[in-house]
Each structure stands twice: as C-alpha cells, then as structure tokens.
C-alpha atoms as a PDB file:
ATOM      1  CA  MET A   1      54.798 -94.483  60.202  1.00  0.00           C
ATOM      2  CA  THR A   2      51.250 -93.338  60.290  1.00  0.00           C
ATOM      3  CA  ASN A   3      51.732 -90.520  58.267  1.00  0.00           C
ATOM      4  CA  ALA A   4      53.432 -92.396  55.340  1.00  0.00           C
ATOM      5  CA  VAL A   5      52.154 -92.513  51.848  1.00  0.00           C
ATOM      6  CA  ASN A   6      51.597 -96.398  50.897  1.00  0.00           C
ATOM      7  CA  LEU A   7      53.492 -96.083  47.751  1.00  0.00           C
ATOM      8  CA  SER A   8      51.466 -99.416  46.676  1.00  0.00           C
ATOM      9  CA  ALA A   9      48.586 -97.565  46.260  1.00  0.00           C
ATOM     10  CA  LEU A  10      50.305 -95.412  43.724  1.00  0.00           C
ATOM     11  CA  GLY A  11      48.736 -95.706  39.892  1.00  0.00           C
ATOM     12  CA  SER A  12      50.546 -96.798  36.941  1.00  0.00           C
ATOM     13  CA  ASN A  13      50.167 -92.726  36.303  1.00  0.00           C
ATOM     14  CA  GLY A  14      51.339 -91.422  39.737  1.00  0.00           C
ATOM     15  CA  GLY A  15      48.169 -91.048  41.491  1.00  0.00           C
ATOM     16  CA  ILE A  16      47.131 -92.130  44.587  1.00  0.00           C
ATOM     17  CA  THR A  17      44.502 -95.137  44.639  1.00  0.00           C
ATOM     18  CA  SER A  18      42.312 -94.762  47.448  1.00  0.00           C
ATOM     19  CA  PRO A  19      40.339 -97.639  49.393  1.00  0.00           C
ATOM     20  CA  THR A  20      37.023 -97.927  48.076  1.00  0.00           C
ATOM     21  CA  TRP A  21      33.650 -99.349  50.013  1.00  0.00           C
ATOM     22  CA  THR A  22      30.079 -98.950  49.634  1.00  0.00           C
ATOM     23  CA  THR A  23      27.497 -96.703  52.514  1.00  0.00           C
ATOM     24  CA  ALA A  24      26.832-100.467  54.207  1.00  0.00           C
ATOM     25  CA  THR A  25      30.642-101.700  53.968  1.00  0.00           C
ATOM     26  CA  ARG A  26      32.095 -98.953  55.354  1.00  0.00           C
ATOM     27  CA  PRO A  27      35.316 -99.890  58.011  1.00  0.00           C
ATOM     28  CA  SER A  28      33.504-100.450  61.223  1.00  0.00           C
ATOM     29  CA  SER A  29      36.105 -98.948  63.548  1.00  0.00           C
ATOM     30  CA  PRO A  30      37.386 -95.986  61.628  1.00  0.00           C
ATOM     31  CA  TYR A  31      39.630 -93.448  62.778  1.00  0.00           C
ATOM     32  CA  THR A  32      39.674 -90.134  62.726  1.00  0.00           C
ATOM     33  CA  GLY A  33      41.154 -88.559  59.331  1.00  0.00           C
ATOM     34  CA  GLN A  34      40.767 -92.037  57.188  1.00  0.00           C
ATOM     35  CA  MET A  35      39.313 -91.396  54.070  1.00  0.00           C
ATOM     36  CA  GLY A  36      38.121 -93.541  51.135  1.00  0.00           C
ATOM     37  CA  TYR A  37      35.930 -93.467  48.081  1.00  0.00           C
ATOM     38  CA  ASN A  38      32.014 -94.584  48.737  1.00  0.00           C
ATOM     39  CA  THR A  39      30.760 -96.573  45.513  1.00  0.00           C
ATOM     40  CA  THR A  40      26.916 -95.916  46.715  1.00  0.00           C
ATOM     41  CA  THR A  41      27.316 -91.969  46.799  1.00  0.00           C
ATOM     42  CA  ALA A  42      29.796 -91.932  44.400  1.00  0.00           C
ATOM     43  CA  GLN A  43      32.249 -89.354  46.850  1.00  0.00           C
ATOM     44  CA  ILE A  44      35.458 -89.569  48.756  1.00  0.00           C
ATOM     45  CA  GLU A  45      34.794 -89.184  52.345  1.00  0.00           C
ATOM     46  CA  VAL A  46      36.285 -88.701  55.441  1.00  0.00           C
ATOM     47  CA  TYR A  47      35.544 -89.923  59.272  1.00  0.00           C
ATOM     48  CA  GLY A  48      35.740 -87.119  61.660  1.00  0.00           C
ATOM     49  CA  ALA A  49      34.609 -85.847  64.566  1.00  0.00           C
ATOM     50  CA  VAL A  50      30.601 -85.757  63.509  1.00  0.00           C
ATOM     51  CA  GLY A  51      31.544 -89.247  61.388  1.00  0.00           C
ATOM     52  CA  TRP A  52      31.538 -89.439  57.919  1.00  0.00           C
ATOM     53  CA  VAL A  53      31.373 -86.792  56.017  1.00  0.00           C
ATOM     54  CA  ASN A  54      32.048 -86.201  51.838  1.00  0.00           C
ATOM     55  CA  ALA A  55      35.768 -84.674  51.539  1.00  0.00           C
ATOM     56  CA  GLY A  56      34.804 -81.762  49.238  1.00  0.00           C
ATOM     57  CA  THR A  57      31.579 -79.264  48.947  1.00  0.00           C
ATOM     58  CA  ALA A  58      29.970 -81.351  46.581  1.00  0.00           C
ATOM     59  CA  GLY A  59      27.741 -83.945  48.178  1.00  0.00           C
ATOM     60  CA  ASN A  60      27.575 -82.325  51.353  1.00  0.00           C
ATOM     61  CA  SER A  61      23.844 -82.257  51.020  1.00  0.00           C
ATOM     62  CA  TYR A  62      20.924 -84.078  49.257  1.00  0.00           C
ATOM     63  CA  THR A  63      17.512 -83.372  48.167  1.00  0.00           C
ATOM     64  CA  ILE A  64      14.624 -84.701  49.799  1.00  0.00           C
ATOM     65  CA  SER A  65      10.553 -84.209  50.043  1.00  0.00           C
ATOM     66  CA  TYR A  66       8.504 -82.896  52.151  1.00  0.00           C
ATOM     67  CA  LEU A  67       4.892 -82.207  53.491  1.00  0.00           C
ATOM     68  CA  VAL A  68       4.597 -79.566  56.164  1.00  0.00           C
ATOM     69  CA  LEU A  69       0.207 -80.131  57.295  1.00  0.00           C
ATOM     70  CA  ALA A  70      -1.065 -77.804  60.275  1.00  0.00           C
ATOM     71  CA  GLY A  71      -3.893 -78.670  62.038  1.00  0.00           C
ATOM     72  CA  GLY A  72      -7.461 -77.589  61.039  1.00  0.00           C
ATOM     73  CA  GLY A  73      -9.764 -75.300  62.828  1.00  0.00           C
ATOM     74  CA  SER A  74     -12.990 -76.227  64.505  1.00  0.00           C
ATOM     75  CA  GLY A  75     -16.192 -75.237  63.466  1.00  0.00           C
ATOM     76  CA  GLY A  76     -18.115 -72.676  64.984  1.00  0.00           C
ATOM     77  CA  SER A  77     -21.024 -73.665  67.119  1.00  0.00           C
ATOM     78  CA  ASN A  78     -24.393 -72.120  65.725  1.00  0.00           C
ATOM     79  CA  ILE A  79     -27.954 -72.606  64.730  1.00  0.00           C
ATOM     80  CA  ASP A  80     -25.791 -72.508  61.123  1.00  0.00           C
ATOM     81  CA  GLY A  81     -22.389 -72.648  62.516  1.00  0.00           C
ATOM     82  CA  GLY A  82     -19.369 -72.175  59.388  1.00  0.00           C
ATOM     83  CA  GLY A  83     -17.095 -74.841  58.788  1.00  0.00           C
ATOM     84  CA  GLY A  84     -13.544 -74.613  60.147  1.00  0.00           C
ATOM     85  CA  GLY A  85     -10.673 -74.365  57.926  1.00  0.00           C
ATOM     86  CA  ALA A  86      -8.320 -76.822  56.961  1.00  0.00           C
ATOM     87  CA  GLY A  87      -4.254 -76.194  58.096  1.00  0.00           C
ATOM     88  CA  GLY A  88      -1.648 -74.392  56.249  1.00  0.00           C
ATOM     89  CA  TYR A  89      -0.195 -76.880  53.495  1.00  0.00           C
ATOM     90  CA  LEU A  90       3.418 -76.609  52.484  1.00  0.00           C
ATOM     91  CA  SER A  91       4.765 -79.470  49.680  1.00  0.00           C
ATOM     92  CA  GLY A  92       7.886 -79.343  47.555  1.00  0.00           C
ATOM     93  CA  THR A  93      11.975 -80.457  47.963  1.00  0.00           C
ATOM     94  CA  THR A  94      14.314 -78.641  49.710  1.00  0.00           C
ATOM     95  CA  SER A  95      18.222 -79.884  50.618  1.00  0.00           C
ATOM     96  CA  LEU A  96      19.289 -81.228  53.759  1.00  0.00           C
ATOM     97  CA  THR A  97      22.955 -80.475  54.922  1.00  0.00           C
ATOM     98  CA  LYS A  98      24.268 -83.823  55.747  1.00  0.00           C
ATOM     99  CA  SER A  99      25.313 -84.020  59.901  1.00  0.00           C
ATOM    100  CA  SER A 100      22.748 -81.151  60.628  1.00  0.00           C
ATOM    101  CA  VAL A 101      19.546 -81.710  63.122  1.00  0.00           C
ATOM    102  CA  TYR A 102      16.241 -81.052  61.652  1.00  0.00           C
ATOM    103  CA  THR A 103      13.243 -80.548  63.812  1.00  0.00           C
ATOM    104  CA  ALA A 104       9.658 -81.139  62.894  1.00  0.00           C
ATOM    105  CA  THR A 105       6.664 -80.034  64.774  1.00  0.00           C
ATOM    106  CA  VAL A 106       3.140 -81.232  64.277  1.00  0.00           C
ATOM    107  CA  GLY A 107       0.207 -78.955  65.115  1.00  0.00           C
ATOM    108  CA  GLY A 108      -2.629 -80.038  66.787  1.00  0.00           C
ATOM    109  CA  GLY A 109      -6.357 -79.102  65.783  1.00  0.00           C
ATOM    110  CA  GLY A 110      -8.812 -76.649  67.159  1.00  0.00           C
ATOM    111  CA  SER A 111     -11.199 -78.080  69.618  1.00  0.00           C
ATOM    112  CA  GLY A 112     -15.165 -78.192  69.021  1.00  0.00           C
ATOM    113  CA  SER A 113     -17.813 -76.656  71.217  1.00  0.00           C
ATOM    114  CA  SER A 114     -21.340 -77.041  72.476  1.00  0.00           C
ATOM    115  CA  SER A 115     -21.479 -73.181  73.096  1.00  0.00           C
ATOM    116  CA  SER A 116     -22.651 -70.289  70.830  1.00  0.00           C
ATOM    117  CA  VAL A 117     -18.876 -69.268  70.056  1.00  0.00           C
ATOM    118  CA  GLN A 118     -16.139 -69.008  67.138  1.00  0.00           C
ATOM    119  CA  GLY A 119     -14.459 -72.587  66.277  1.00  0.00           C
ATOM    120  CA  THR A 120     -10.904 -72.806  67.375  1.00  0.00           C
ATOM    121  CA  ASN A 121      -7.922 -72.264  65.351  1.00  0.00           C
ATOM    122  CA  GLY A 122      -5.599 -74.846  65.047  1.00  0.00           C
ATOM    123  CA  THR A 123      -2.144 -74.756  65.725  1.00  0.00           C
ATOM    124  CA  ASN A 124       1.095 -74.527  63.400  1.00  0.00           C
ATOM    125  CA  SER A 125       3.634 -77.141  61.903  1.00  0.00           C
ATOM    126  CA  SER A 126       6.980 -76.697  60.977  1.00  0.00           C
ATOM    127  CA  LEU A 127       9.999 -77.967  59.724  1.00  0.00           C
ATOM    128  CA  SER A 128      13.276 -75.961  60.550  1.00  0.00           C
ATOM    129  CA  GLY A 129      16.887 -76.612  60.705  1.00  0.00           C
ATOM    130  CA  THR A 130      20.193 -76.039  58.643  1.00  0.00           C
ATOM    131  CA  GLY A 131      18.972 -73.930  55.264  1.00  0.00           C
ATOM    132  CA  VAL A 132      15.186 -74.704  56.175  1.00  0.00           C
ATOM    133  CA  SER A 133      12.374 -73.137  57.727  1.00  0.00           C
ATOM    134  CA  LEU A 134       8.737 -73.682  57.232  1.00  0.00           C
ATOM    135  CA  THR A 135       6.101 -72.904  58.769  1.00  0.00           C
ATOM    136  CA  ALA A 136       2.433 -73.762  57.757  1.00  0.00           C
ATOM    137  CA  THR A 137      -0.373 -71.710  59.611  1.00  0.00           C
ATOM    138  CA  GLY A 138      -2.720 -73.557  61.558  1.00  0.00           C
ATOM    139  CA  GLY A 139      -6.790 -73.367  59.976  1.00  0.00           C
ATOM    140  CA  GLY A 140      -9.263 -70.913  60.695  1.00  0.00           C
ATOM    141  CA  GLY A 141     -12.468 -71.485  62.844  1.00  0.00           C
ATOM    142  CA  GLY A 142     -15.562 -71.537  61.769  1.00  0.00           C
ATOM    143  CA  ALA A 143     -17.615 -68.389  62.753  1.00  0.00           C
ATOM    144  CA  GLY A 144     -20.081 -68.690  65.675  1.00  0.00           C
ATOM    145  CA  TYR A 145     -23.228 -66.937  67.104  1.00  0.00           C
ATOM    146  CA  VAL A 146     -21.359 -64.529  68.330  1.00  0.00           C
ATOM    147  CA  SER A 147     -19.838 -61.518  67.114  1.00  0.00           C
ATOM    148  CA  PRO A 148     -18.363 -60.794  64.227  1.00  0.00           C
ATOM    149  CA  TYR A 149     -19.715 -63.500  62.562  1.00  0.00           C
ATOM    150  CA  ALA A 150     -17.112 -64.118  59.808  1.00  0.00           C
ATOM    151  CA  GLY A 151     -15.170 -67.283  59.544  1.00  0.00           C
ATOM    152  CA  SER A 152     -11.571 -66.820  61.336  1.00  0.00           C
ATOM    153  CA  SER A 153      -8.409 -66.321  58.721  1.00  0.00           C
ATOM    154  CA  GLY A 154      -5.733 -69.293  58.852  1.00  0.00           C
ATOM    155  CA  GLY A 155      -3.756 -71.407  56.721  1.00  0.00           C
ATOM    156  CA  SER A 156      -7.218 -72.173  55.007  1.00  0.00           C
ATOM    157  CA  GLY A 157      -9.895 -69.832  56.252  1.00  0.00           C
ATOM    158  CA  GLY A 158     -13.112 -70.794  58.447  1.00  0.00           C
ATOM    159  CA  GLY A 159     -16.521 -70.623  57.081  1.00  0.00           C
ATOM    160  CA  GLY A 160     -19.571 -67.571  57.767  1.00  0.00           C
ATOM    161  CA  SER A 161     -22.393 -67.799  60.043  1.00  0.00           C
ATOM    162  CA  PHE A 162     -25.761 -66.725  60.493  1.00  0.00           C
ATOM    163  CA  SER A 163     -26.767 -63.316  62.424  1.00  0.00           C
ATOM    164  CA  GLY A 164     -29.600 -61.973  60.857  1.00  0.00           C
ATOM    165  CA  PRO A 165     -29.327 -59.731  57.395  1.00  0.00           C
ATOM    166  CA  GLY A 166     -26.165 -59.451  55.746  1.00  0.00           C
ATOM    167  CA  THR A 167     -23.644 -61.374  54.417  1.00  0.00           C
ATOM    168  CA  ASN A 168     -20.738 -62.823  56.898  1.00  0.00           C
ATOM    169  CA  ALA A 169     -17.659 -63.749  54.980  1.00  0.00           C
ATOM    170  CA  GLY A 170     -15.530 -66.540  55.229  1.00  0.00           C
ATOM    171  CA  GLY A 171     -11.957 -66.320  56.712  1.00  0.00           C
ATOM    172  CA  ALA A 172      -9.034 -65.467  54.854  1.00  0.00           C
ATOM    173  CA  GLY A 173      -6.454 -68.128  53.567  1.00  0.00           C
ATOM    174  CA  THR A 174      -2.662 -67.461  53.659  1.00  0.00           C
ATOM    175  CA  PRO A 175      -1.354 -67.235  50.180  1.00  0.00           C
ATOM    176  CA  GLY A 176       0.401 -70.191  48.810  1.00  0.00           C
ATOM    177  CA  GLN A 177      -0.799 -72.572  51.780  1.00  0.00           C
ATOM    178  CA  GLY A 178      -4.908 -72.368  51.546  1.00  0.00           C
ATOM    179  CA  ASN A 179      -8.101 -70.911  50.559  1.00  0.00           C
ATOM    180  CA  ALA A 180     -10.776 -68.616  52.130  1.00  0.00           C
ATOM    181  CA  GLY A 181     -14.081 -69.894  53.451  1.00  0.00           C
ATOM    182  CA  GLY A 182     -17.733 -69.490  52.284  1.00  0.00           C
ATOM    183  CA  ASN A 183     -19.861 -66.958  53.155  1.00  0.00           C
ATOM    184  CA  ASN A 184     -23.519 -67.310  55.067  1.00  0.00           C
ATOM    185  CA  PHE A 185     -26.558 -67.438  53.412  1.00  0.00           C
ATOM    186  CA  PRO A 186     -27.395 -63.871  53.906  1.00  0.00           C
ATOM    187  CA  GLY A 187     -30.953 -62.740  55.521  1.00  0.00           C
ATOM    188  CA  GLY A 188     -31.891 -65.299  58.131  1.00  0.00           C
ATOM    189  CA  SER A 189     -30.716 -68.966  59.728  1.00  0.00           C
ATOM    190  CA  PHE A 190     -30.255 -71.473  56.624  1.00  0.00           C
ATOM    191  CA  GLY A 191     -26.928 -72.395  55.736  1.00  0.00           C
ATOM    192  CA  GLY A 192     -23.134 -71.274  57.431  1.00  0.00           C
ATOM    193  CA  GLY A 193     -20.050 -71.573  54.875  1.00  0.00           C
ATOM    194  CA  GLY A 194     -18.261 -74.437  54.251  1.00  0.00           C
ATOM    195  CA  GLY A 195     -14.183 -73.906  55.630  1.00  0.00           C
ATOM    196  CA  GLY A 196     -11.535 -73.337  52.825  1.00  0.00           C
ATOM    197  CA  GLY A 197      -9.664 -76.027  51.999  1.00  0.00           C
ATOM    198  CA  SER A 198      -5.995 -76.638  50.966  1.00  0.00           C
ATOM    199  CA  GLY A 199      -6.949 -77.026  46.869  1.00  0.00           C
ATOM    200  CA  ALA A 200      -9.977 -74.889  46.759  1.00  0.00           C
ATOM    201  CA  VAL A 201     -12.336 -72.207  48.355  1.00  0.00           C
ATOM    202  CA  GLY A 202     -14.888 -73.106  50.625  1.00  0.00           C
ATOM    203  CA  ASN A 203     -18.493 -73.531  49.492  1.00  0.00           C
ATOM    204  CA  ALA A 204     -20.991 -70.799  50.651  1.00  0.00           C
ATOM    205  CA  GLY A 205     -24.370 -71.462  52.342  1.00  0.00           C
ATOM    206  CA  THR A 206     -27.496 -71.838  51.158  1.00  0.00           C
ATOM    207  CA  THR A 207     -31.604 -71.388  51.755  1.00  0.00           C
ATOM    208  CA  SER A 208     -31.318 -75.186  52.384  1.00  0.00           C
ATOM    209  CA  ALA A 209     -27.803 -76.421  52.866  1.00  0.00           C
ATOM    210  CA  GLY A 210     -24.605 -75.491  54.657  1.00  0.00           C
ATOM    211  CA  GLY A 211     -22.067 -75.071  52.077  1.00  0.00           C
ATOM    212  CA  ASN A 212     -19.616 -77.844  51.359  1.00  0.00           C
ATOM    213  CA  GLY A 213     -16.026 -77.486  52.817  1.00  0.00           C
ATOM    214  CA  GLY A 214     -13.296 -76.939  49.886  1.00  0.00           C
ATOM    215  CA  ASN A 215     -11.482 -79.583  48.273  1.00  0.00           C
ATOM    216  CA  GLY A 216      -8.179 -80.347  50.157  1.00  0.00           C
ATOM    217  CA  SER A 217      -4.965 -81.331  47.679  1.00  0.00           C
ATOM    218  CA  SER A 218      -3.440 -84.525  46.606  1.00  0.00           C
ATOM    219  CA  ASN A 219      -0.104 -86.049  47.439  1.00  0.00           C
ATOM    220  CA  SER A 220       1.781 -89.485  46.514  1.00  0.00           C
ATOM    221  CA  ILE A 221       4.976 -88.122  49.582  1.00  0.00           C
ATOM    222  CA  THR A 222       4.346 -91.621  51.292  1.00  0.00           C
ATOM    223  CA  GLY A 223       3.889 -93.943  48.065  1.00  0.00           C
ATOM    224  CA  THR A 224       0.498 -93.644  48.279  1.00  0.00           C
ATOM    225  CA  PRO A 225      -1.911 -91.136  47.042  1.00  0.00           C
ATOM    226  CA  ALA A 226      -3.784 -89.090  49.796  1.00  0.00           C
ATOM    227  CA  ILE A 227      -5.307 -86.247  50.122  1.00  0.00           C
ATOM    228  CA  TYR A 228      -4.517 -83.880  52.772  1.00  0.00           C
ATOM    229  CA  GLY A 229      -6.663 -80.477  53.783  1.00  0.00           C
ATOM    230  CA  GLY A 230     -10.609 -80.629  53.564  1.00  0.00           C
ATOM    231  CA  GLY A 231     -12.063 -77.742  54.808  1.00  0.00           C
ATOM    232  CA  GLY A 232     -15.160 -78.523  57.111  1.00  0.00           C
ATOM    233  CA  GLY A 233     -18.833 -78.829  56.133  1.00  0.00           C
ATOM    234  CA  GLY A 234     -21.390 -75.475  57.415  1.00  0.00           C
ATOM    235  CA  GLY A 235     -24.385 -76.533  59.409  1.00  0.00           C
ATOM    236  CA  VAL A 236     -27.984 -75.694  58.768  1.00  0.00           C
ATOM    237  CA  ASN A 237     -30.886 -75.141  60.291  1.00  0.00           C
ATOM    238  CA  THR A 238     -33.045 -78.415  61.237  1.00  0.00           C
ATOM    239  CA  SER A 239     -34.777 -79.180  57.797  1.00  0.00           C
ATOM    240  CA  GLY A 240     -31.793 -78.224  55.514  1.00  0.00           C
ATOM    241  CA  THR A 241     -29.034 -80.358  54.162  1.00  0.00           C
ATOM    242  CA  VAL A 242     -25.729 -80.316  55.606  1.00  0.00           C
ATOM    243  CA  GLY A 243     -22.353 -79.195  54.517  1.00  0.00           C
ATOM    244  CA  ILE A 244     -19.902 -82.094  53.189  1.00  0.00           C
ATOM    245  CA  GLY A 245     -16.436 -82.104  54.509  1.00  0.00           C
ATOM    246  CA  GLY A 246     -13.227 -81.201  51.731  1.00  0.00           C
ATOM    247  CA  PRO A 247     -12.798 -84.899  49.788  1.00  0.00           C
ATOM    248  CA  GLY A 248      -9.899 -86.591  51.974  1.00  0.00           C
ATOM    249  CA  THR A 249      -8.701 -89.977  52.846  1.00  0.00           C
ATOM    250  CA  PRO A 250      -9.940 -92.789  54.121  1.00  0.00           C
ATOM    251  CA  ALA A 251     -13.432 -91.015  53.653  1.00  0.00           C
ATOM    252  CA  VAL A 252     -13.311 -87.491  54.005  1.00  0.00           C
ATOM    253  CA  SER A 253     -10.835 -84.737  55.275  1.00  0.00           C
ATOM    254  CA  GLY A 254     -12.837 -82.166  56.470  1.00  0.00           C
ATOM    255  CA  GLY A 255     -15.712 -82.652  58.945  1.00  0.00           C
ATOM    256  CA  ASN A 256     -19.270 -82.921  58.014  1.00  0.00           C
ATOM    257  CA  GLY A 257     -21.774 -79.939  59.311  1.00  0.00           C
ATOM    258  CA  GLY A 258     -24.641 -80.707  61.692  1.00  0.00           C
ATOM    259  CA  GLY A 259     -28.214 -79.823  61.104  1.00  0.00           C
ATOM    260  CA  GLY A 260     -30.833 -81.226  58.931  1.00  0.00           C
ATOM    261  CA  GLY A 261     -32.849 -83.120  61.514  1.00  0.00           C
ATOM    262  CA  GLY A 262     -30.912 -83.091  64.462  1.00  0.00           C
ATOM    263  CA  THR A 263     -27.394 -84.824  62.585  1.00  0.00           C
ATOM    264  CA  ALA A 264     -24.505 -84.300  64.672  1.00  0.00           C
ATOM    265  CA  ALA A 265     -21.685 -82.617  63.337  1.00  0.00           C
ATOM    266  CA  THR A 266     -18.309 -84.122  63.233  1.00  0.00           C
ATOM    267  CA  ASN A 267     -14.365 -84.433  63.615  1.00  0.00           C
ATOM    268  CA  ALA A 268     -12.351 -84.356  60.455  1.00  0.00           C
ATOM    269  CA  VAL A 269     -10.261 -86.962  59.671  1.00  0.00           C
ATOM    270  CA  ALA A 270      -7.053 -87.415  61.909  1.00  0.00           C
ATOM    271  CA  ASN A 271      -3.754 -86.268  60.393  1.00  0.00           C
ATOM    272  CA  THR A 272      -5.148 -84.836  57.197  1.00  0.00           C
ATOM    273  CA  GLY A 273      -4.973 -81.105  58.552  1.00  0.00           C
ATOM    274  CA  GLY A 274      -8.989 -81.085  58.084  1.00  0.00           C
ATOM    275  CA  GLY A 275     -11.552 -78.469  59.486  1.00  0.00           C
ATOM    276  CA  GLY A 276     -14.127 -79.617  61.646  1.00  0.00           C
ATOM    277  CA  GLY A 277     -18.069 -79.386  61.128  1.00  0.00           C
ATOM    278  CA  GLY A 278     -20.081 -76.715  61.540  1.00  0.00           C
ATOM    279  CA  SER A 279     -22.816 -76.899  64.000  1.00  0.00           C
ATOM    280  CA  GLY A 280     -26.494 -76.681  63.267  1.00  0.00           C
ATOM    281  CA  ASN A 281     -29.516 -76.387  64.981  1.00  0.00           C
ATOM    282  CA  SER A 282     -31.277 -79.673  66.633  1.00  0.00           C
ATOM    283  CA  SER A 283     -32.912 -80.741  69.790  1.00  0.00           C
ATOM    284  CA  GLN A 284     -30.504 -78.860  71.617  1.00  0.00           C
ATOM    285  CA  SER A 285     -30.219 -75.136  71.300  1.00  0.00           C
ATOM    286  CA  TYR A 286     -26.170 -75.231  70.426  1.00  0.00           C
ATOM    287  CA  PRO A 287     -24.907 -78.914  69.368  1.00  0.00           C
ATOM    288  CA  SER A 288     -21.145 -79.504  69.854  1.00  0.00           C
ATOM    289  CA  SER A 289     -19.144 -78.379  66.809  1.00  0.00           C
ATOM    290  CA  GLY A 290     -16.370 -80.524  65.182  1.00  0.00           C
ATOM    291  CA  ASN A 291     -12.763 -80.555  65.947  1.00  0.00           C
ATOM    292  CA  GLY A 292     -10.490 -79.648  63.405  1.00  0.00           C
ATOM    293  CA  SER A 293      -7.716 -82.327  62.738  1.00  0.00           C
ATOM    294  CA  SER A 294      -4.036 -82.818  64.051  1.00  0.00           C
ATOM    295  CA  GLY A 295      -1.583 -81.676  60.863  1.00  0.00           C
ATOM    296  CA  VAL A 296       1.333 -84.013  60.031  1.00  0.00           C
ATOM    297  CA  VAL A 297       5.332 -83.754  58.678  1.00  0.00           C
ATOM    298  CA  ILE A 298       6.721 -86.401  56.302  1.00  0.00           C
ATOM    299  CA  ILE A 299       9.933 -86.174  54.811  1.00  0.00           C
ATOM    300  CA  SER A 300      11.266 -88.456  51.735  1.00  0.00           C
ATOM    301  CA  VAL A 301      14.612 -89.410  51.996  1.00  0.00           C
ATOM    302  CA  PRO A 302      16.535 -90.554  49.358  1.00  0.00           C
ATOM    303  CA  THR A 303      17.523 -94.295  51.157  1.00  0.00           C
ATOM    304  CA  THR A 304      21.103 -94.117  49.849  1.00  0.00           C
ATOM    305  CA  TYR A 305      21.465 -91.405  52.415  1.00  0.00           C
ATOM    306  CA  TYR A 306      19.228 -92.498  55.030  1.00  0.00           C
ATOM    307  CA  THR A 307      21.110 -92.017  58.231  1.00  0.00           C
ATOM    308  CA  GLY A 308      18.566 -93.685  60.545  1.00  0.00           C
ATOM    309  CA  THR A 309      19.061 -90.953  63.403  1.00  0.00           C
ATOM    310  CA  THR A 310      15.851 -89.764  64.609  1.00  0.00           C
ATOM    311  CA  THR A 311      13.348 -88.725  67.586  1.00  0.00           C
ATOM    312  CA  GLY A 312       9.658 -88.453  68.613  1.00  0.00           C
ATOM    313  CA  SER A 313       9.237 -92.119  67.526  1.00  0.00           C
ATOM    314  CA  PRO A 314       7.994 -91.126  63.779  1.00  0.00           C
ATOM    315  CA  THR A 315       6.599 -94.129  61.869  1.00  0.00           C
ATOM    316  CA  ILE A 316       8.922 -95.291  59.473  1.00  0.00           C
ATOM    317  CA  THR A 317       8.274 -96.335  55.802  1.00  0.00           C
ATOM    318  CA  THR A 318       9.692 -97.137  52.496  1.00  0.00           C
ATOM    319  CA  SER A 319       8.396 -96.678  49.180  1.00  0.00           C
ATOM    320  CA  GLY A 320      10.842 -97.302  46.172  1.00  0.00           C
ATOM    321  CA  SER A 321      14.053 -95.737  46.705  1.00  0.00           C
ATOM    322  CA  ASN A 322      12.867 -93.625  48.960  1.00  0.00           C
ATOM    323  CA  THR A 323      12.605 -93.757  53.212  1.00  0.00           C
ATOM    324  CA  ILE A 324       9.360 -92.121  54.433  1.00  0.00           C
ATOM    325  CA  ILE A 325       9.603 -90.430  57.950  1.00  0.00           C
ATOM    326  CA  THR A 326       6.632 -89.295  59.167  1.00  0.00           C
ATOM    327  CA  TRP A 327       5.713 -87.596  62.446  1.00  0.00           C
ATOM    328  CA  THR A 328       2.059 -87.446  63.710  1.00  0.00           C
ATOM    329  CA  SER A 329       2.299 -85.642  66.946  1.00  0.00           C
ATOM    330  CA  GLY A 330       4.950 -83.494  69.384  1.00  0.00           C
ATOM    331  CA  SER A 331       7.866 -82.677  67.905  1.00  0.00           C
ATOM    332  CA  GLY A 332      10.671 -84.666  66.897  1.00  0.00           C
ATOM    333  CA  THR A 333      14.015 -84.813  64.584  1.00  0.00           C
ATOM    334  CA  TYR A 334      16.004 -86.141  61.886  1.00  0.00           C
ATOM    335  CA  THR A 335      19.781 -85.977  61.869  1.00  0.00           C
ATOM    336  CA  ALA A 336      20.971 -85.951  58.237  1.00  0.00           C
END
C-alpha cells in the first residue's frame, strides 16, 4: 500500500527515520507528498504543487542583501547650469519567501538638453514582492536658465543655477536615500551648484568654479567595491573651472560640468545612478548638459538557496558563498 509506514525505517527509539539528500541530489522524479531531510539546508522538506518547500514554518524564507539605485537627474542647461542629483540609494538586507516571485525595475537617467531648461529627473527603481517593498526615487535635475532657477528635488537634489542677484538653492534629497544639491554662486554669472550625491551634499558654486558633485556611497554587494550615486558637477562661465562629478567607479559616477573655455558637460557613468554635468558657457549660447545615469538593482542570494529562476536577462555572477543577480535595465523577476 502506498500509504503504509515502512517499519524498516523506524529507529531503535521508535522514531521514523526520513530519507536524506542534498539540494543537488533530491529525487529527480518526486511525487506529491514525498518528504525527506535536506542536509544542505538542515530542513525537513516536502514536494508539492510549487516544488520543494520546507515542512515547517522555520526555513520558509531566507535573507538576502540588496542594492536598489534609481536613475540620476540630468544637468541644467545654462551658462552655469546646476549638476544633476544622484538617484536614490537603498542598501541593506531583507527576507525572501520561498517560491514567491520578486520584481526588479531599473530606472533610467534624465536626458540632457541644449535648450535653456531645467534638467530632467531620473526615474525610480524598485524591488517588490511578498514582504518586500523598496522604491528608490529618481535624482533631481539641475537648475537651468529658467525660473525657478533652483535645483529639482529627488533621491538626491539637483544643483542651483545663475539668475542674477540672490542665491538659488539646490534641490532637496529624499531622507535615507540621498542628499541636497549645492547652491549657485549668488550675484552673477559664475558657478552653478553641484548635484547632491548618495553620500554627501553637492558643493556650492564659487566666483570661478562650478560646484563639485556630492560623493557617492561605497558598496561591495557584487564582491568588488564600487561607489554608486555621485552627483553631477556644476557648469561655469567660460573662464572658470568646471565642477567635477562625485567619485565613482570606474572613473566618476556623476558627470562633469561644462564651461571652462568650451569644455563640454559630460554624462554620468552607466548604471551608477550618477547625475549629469551642468552645462557652461562656451562658443554656443546654451551647450548641452550631461545625461543622468541609469540605475541598477542587485540582489545577493546565498547560493544554497539560489533557484536559478529569473526573467529580464540579469547578469548572474558569484562571490564567495553568494550568487549575485544584477538587473541593469527594464524589469525582471526572481523566484525565491
């Protein structure tokens, strides 16, 4: 009878001894209700409609590390445009429920412009599913040569821009995700403020230089240390020194400001969530500002629990005892 107890499996003390296996050597053609002890996970598990799951409540979830980084804002287009703010930065640990589907969405960076306009905010990134709801806010665009001349708020805020007398403030950052952008230099056509970074506020412009972008944040989730979320450098008038983007890897995360004898503003480095550089005065009336960087969503899963079930074409790598899943664009899923 298929439901009969196998008496030969009884131990000397009367207890039932379950069959044992590892995650790699589970039965290849299990039947519904089949149960055994998994020595890899140290759990009794049973095969059902959703595959192998732990028989008790303990062990039905496991802890992962994550990095959710939004797209950075673009720089402002101006004779001393503000640098773009970095995308919102979220990093930590959370629990995934086995057999549940988790969705990762990667935000894009704001687009630079050659018109005299405010920079464009980056878009949000997120990681969501059973028990998990994480949303990083897109970075704020840098101020341009249009009212209100202040940087936009975002994950980190964009830098302020020139508009004559008075101080034009950088945009605010989102608490827990980033920092404010820097102010412009008041009173004339000088330096735009640097965009805020995930690790520090943007620097203010001066009489002769655009403000540097705020520093990013160091993270080793992939196994290799890197800095994410640098603010864009502020632009400056022709004879000044351009603002430098917030530090990142491989070069800078945020883009450099423009100006300084015709120096062009630069784009932020892809998938670092950096802000684009603000434009500066050169041979053109309003040179193009730099694009903000796209964001990234990364999760680090203990290889013991990694299921291999993903969508969205993420990059899969390993580091020590963990499997790293990295989405760099669009949306995708991981089934825990």
